[in-house]
Protein backbone atom coordinates (compact mmCIF):
# COMPACT_ATOMS: atom_id res chain seq x y z
CA MET A 1 -47.45 215.84 59.83
CA GLY A 2 -49.47 216.31 63.01
CA LEU A 3 -52.66 217.18 61.15
CA PHE A 4 -53.94 213.60 60.89
CA ARG A 5 -52.71 212.40 64.13
CA ARG A 6 -55.33 211.49 66.81
CA LYS A 7 -54.14 210.41 70.27
CA ASP A 8 -57.50 209.49 71.67
CA LYS A 9 -59.05 207.57 68.77
CA ILE A 10 -57.83 204.74 66.46
CA VAL A 11 -59.57 204.73 63.13
CA ASP A 12 -60.16 201.20 61.71
CA LEU A 13 -60.87 201.28 57.97
CA GLY A 14 -61.00 197.51 57.72
CA LYS A 15 -64.66 197.41 59.15
CA ARG A 16 -65.74 200.03 56.65
CA TYR A 17 -64.16 198.07 53.76
CA LYS A 18 -65.87 194.84 54.90
CA LYS A 19 -69.28 196.64 55.05
CA GLN A 20 -68.73 198.03 51.53
CA THR A 21 -67.82 194.63 50.12
CA GLN A 22 -70.88 193.08 51.82
CA ARG A 23 -73.19 195.86 50.40
CA ASN A 24 -71.64 195.39 46.91
CA SER A 25 -72.08 191.57 47.01
CA GLU A 26 -75.68 192.03 48.26
CA ALA A 27 -76.42 194.51 45.47
CA ALA A 28 -74.86 192.25 42.90
CA SER A 29 -76.89 189.24 44.07
CA ASN A 30 -80.11 191.41 44.09
CA VAL A 31 -79.39 192.51 40.53
CA ASN A 32 -78.74 188.92 39.45
CA ASN A 33 -81.92 187.62 41.07
CA GLU A 34 -84.32 190.37 40.00
CA PRO A 35 -84.28 189.98 36.17
CA SER A 36 -84.70 186.27 36.14
CA SER A 37 -87.55 186.31 38.58
CA ASN A 38 -89.32 189.26 36.94
CA LEU A 39 -88.89 188.07 33.30
CA GLY A 40 -89.75 184.41 33.66
CA PHE A 41 -88.54 182.51 30.62
CA LEU A 42 -86.87 185.61 29.17
CA GLY A 43 -84.70 185.76 32.29
CA SER A 44 -83.39 182.23 31.44
CA LEU A 45 -82.60 183.39 27.90
CA ALA A 46 -80.77 186.38 29.31
CA SER A 47 -78.71 184.21 31.62
CA GLY A 48 -77.94 181.99 28.61
CA SER A 49 -76.29 184.94 26.91
CA SER A 50 -73.35 184.47 29.26
CA SER A 51 -72.13 181.64 27.03
CA SER A 52 -71.72 184.09 24.14
CA ASN A 53 -69.67 186.29 26.53
CA SER A 54 -67.32 183.43 27.15
CA GLN A 55 -66.68 183.16 23.40
CA ASP A 56 -65.86 186.91 23.44
CA GLU A 57 -63.45 186.31 26.20
CA TYR A 58 -61.77 183.62 24.18
CA VAL A 59 -61.19 186.02 21.42
CA ASN A 60 -59.72 188.55 23.92
CA LEU A 61 -57.23 185.86 24.98
CA SER A 62 -55.46 186.13 21.66
CA ASP A 63 -55.41 189.84 22.07
CA ASN A 64 -53.82 189.30 25.48
CA GLU A 65 -51.25 187.03 24.04
CA ASP A 66 -50.32 189.72 21.49
CA ARG A 67 -50.06 192.27 24.21
CA LYS A 68 -47.86 189.94 26.24
CA ASN A 69 -45.58 189.37 23.25
CA LYS A 70 -45.35 193.11 22.64
CA LEU A 71 -44.71 193.79 26.36
CA ALA A 72 -42.02 191.08 26.42
CA LYS A 73 -40.26 192.58 23.35
CA ARG A 74 -40.37 196.02 24.88
CA LEU A 75 -38.96 194.77 28.12
CA LEU A 76 -36.23 192.94 26.34
CA ASP A 77 -35.35 196.12 24.33
CA MET A 78 -35.37 198.24 27.54
CA THR A 79 -33.17 195.69 29.30
CA ASN A 80 -30.66 195.78 26.47
CA LYS A 81 -30.62 199.60 26.44
CA ILE A 82 -30.04 199.58 30.28
CA GLU A 83 -27.09 197.13 29.81
CA ASP A 84 -25.54 199.32 27.06
CA LEU A 85 -25.89 202.43 29.17
CA SER A 86 -24.37 200.60 32.18
CA ASN A 87 -21.42 199.50 30.00
CA GLN A 88 -20.96 203.09 28.85
CA ILE A 89 -21.02 204.39 32.40
CA TYR A 90 -18.47 201.74 33.37
CA HIS A 91 -16.10 202.77 30.55
CA LEU A 92 -16.54 206.46 31.44
CA LYS A 93 -15.57 205.70 35.06
CA GLN A 94 -12.45 203.85 33.89
CA ARG A 95 -11.44 206.88 31.67
CA ILE A 96 -11.95 209.22 34.55
CA GLU A 97 -9.82 207.14 36.82
CA VAL A 98 -7.04 207.09 34.16
CA LEU A 99 -7.23 210.87 33.81
CA GLU A 100 -7.21 211.32 37.68
CA LYS A 101 -4.07 209.17 37.82
CA LYS A 102 -2.36 211.17 35.06
CA MET A 103 -3.20 214.40 36.80
CA LYS A 104 -2.46 213.01 40.20
CA VAL A 105 -5.87 214.18 41.50
CA SER A 106 -7.68 212.31 44.19
CA PHE A 107 -11.41 212.93 45.05
CA GLU A 108 -11.72 210.16 47.72
């Protein structure tokens, strides 16, 4: 437990995270700016291809709805199984209490 403890220094990882996010955003903006400026009119055609990606995303939405429905069904089945097991545990506890009373044994 004492291996990672430093009394004289406090390590702030928030600054490092902010720097990384800034670098990533700068890199992404550079990547987005370079193809359109280097390719001229072809760059505008490449940027126009994003509309076809939005159609692909629309198709994926129906897949997501199917996944949501399957997940909801699985969760409902799991909930029902948990309720059944809970009922079984309750009944077993009741039986144990009856047996303890008959045998006059107390574990409390």
